[in-house]
Amino acid sequence: MTTPNSGYDIEAIKKKALIWTIVGFICGGVISGVLGLLGYLKADTEPETAQKFTKWAMILTIIVIVLYVVLFGLSIAMGVFSASMSTY
C-alpha cells in the first residue's frame, strides 16, 4: 500500500503555504490568507489539494497587491492634477 503523499515534498509545500498565508493576511486580505491556511492544513493528508490552495492564495495576493499599487498611483496622479488645476 502506498502512502497518499508519495512523490510530494510535504515540508516544502507547508513552507510555501505558510509564507503565502502570512503574506496573504498582511497584504492580500482574509480570503487569500484563508486559502493559504487551508493549503497548510491539507499538506499532510492531501498534498495536491494543498498545492492548489496555495497557488490560488498566491494568485489572489498578487492581484490585490497590483490593485493597491494601481490605486495608489491613481490617487497620487489625481492629487497632482487637482493641485495643478486649482486657482486661488
Protein backbone atom coordinates (compact mmCIF):
# COMPACT_ATOMS: atom_id res chain seq x y z
CA MET A 1 0.00 0.00 0.00
CA THR A 2 1.38 3.40 -0.92
CA THR A 3 1.16 6.49 1.21
CA PRO A 4 -1.13 9.24 -0.05
CA ASN A 5 1.69 11.79 -0.13
CA SER A 6 4.23 9.75 -2.09
CA GLY A 7 6.20 11.87 -4.50
CA TYR A 8 5.48 15.16 -2.71
CA ASP A 9 7.82 17.21 -0.56
CA ILE A 10 5.44 17.90 2.31
CA GLU A 11 7.79 20.24 4.14
CA ALA A 12 8.27 22.42 1.05
CA ILE A 13 4.51 22.54 0.48
CA LYS A 14 3.92 23.52 4.11
CA LYS A 15 6.66 26.17 4.00
CA LYS A 16 5.27 27.76 0.83
CA ALA A 17 1.71 27.65 2.18
CA LEU A 18 2.81 29.25 5.45
CA ILE A 19 4.61 32.05 3.62
CA TRP A 20 1.59 32.79 1.43
CA THR A 21 -0.72 32.59 4.45
CA ILE A 22 1.24 35.31 6.21
CA VAL A 23 1.66 37.46 3.10
CA GLY A 24 -1.99 36.87 2.22
CA PHE A 25 -3.30 38.02 5.59
CA ILE A 26 -1.00 41.06 5.63
CA CYS A 27 -1.28 42.22 2.01
CA GLY A 28 -3.99 40.26 0.27
CA GLY A 29 -6.86 40.16 2.70
CA VAL A 30 -8.73 37.48 4.54
CA ILE A 31 -9.68 35.32 1.56
CA SER A 32 -6.12 34.81 0.34
CA GLY A 33 -4.94 34.24 3.91
CA VAL A 34 -7.58 31.58 4.47
CA LEU A 35 -6.69 29.87 1.17
CA GLY A 36 -3.04 29.74 2.26
CA LEU A 37 -4.07 28.40 5.66
CA LEU A 38 -6.17 25.68 4.04
CA GLY A 39 -3.16 24.76 1.93
CA TYR A 40 -1.04 24.48 5.05
CA LEU A 41 -3.58 22.35 6.89
CA LYS A 42 -4.15 19.95 3.99
CA ALA A 43 -0.45 19.44 3.20
CA ASP A 44 -0.14 16.27 5.30
CA THR A 45 -3.22 14.49 4.02
CA GLU A 46 -3.87 15.91 0.52
CA PRO A 47 -0.70 17.49 -0.89
CA GLU A 48 -2.15 18.04 -4.37
CA THR A 49 -5.11 19.96 -2.95
CA ALA A 50 -2.76 21.88 -0.68
CA GLN A 51 -0.73 23.00 -3.68
CA LYS A 52 -3.90 24.20 -5.41
CA PHE A 53 -5.00 26.21 -2.37
CA THR A 54 -1.53 27.72 -2.05
CA LYS A 55 -1.45 28.60 -5.75
CA TRP A 56 -4.79 30.40 -5.51
CA ALA A 57 -3.67 32.23 -2.38
CA MET A 58 -0.56 33.37 -4.25
CA ILE A 59 -2.54 34.49 -7.32
CA LEU A 60 -5.13 36.37 -5.27
CA THR A 61 -2.47 38.08 -3.14
CA ILE A 62 -0.54 39.22 -6.22
CA ILE A 63 -3.72 40.57 -7.82
CA VAL A 64 -4.60 42.53 -4.69
CA ILE A 65 -1.06 43.95 -4.40
CA VAL A 66 -1.16 45.06 -8.05
CA LEU A 67 -4.53 46.72 -7.46
CA TYR A 68 -3.11 48.51 -4.39
CA VAL A 69 -0.22 49.83 -6.46
CA VAL A 70 -2.51 50.98 -9.29
CA LEU A 71 -4.91 52.70 -6.88
CA PHE A 72 -2.01 54.36 -5.07
CA GLY A 73 -0.61 55.61 -8.38
CA LEU A 74 -4.04 56.90 -9.43
CA SER A 75 -4.53 58.68 -6.14
CA ILE A 76 -1.12 60.36 -6.47
CA ALA A 77 -1.89 61.35 -10.07
CA MET A 78 -5.31 62.73 -9.12
CA GLY A 79 -3.76 64.72 -6.29
CA VAL A 80 -1.08 66.16 -8.58
CA PHE A 81 -3.58 67.03 -11.30
CA SER A 82 -6.06 68.59 -8.90
CA ALA A 83 -3.34 70.65 -7.22
CA SER A 84 -2.04 71.94 -10.55
CA MET A 85 -5.54 72.84 -11.79
CA SER A 86 -6.67 74.74 -8.72
CA THR A 87 -6.71 78.53 -8.72
CA TYR A 88 -6.67 80.78 -5.73
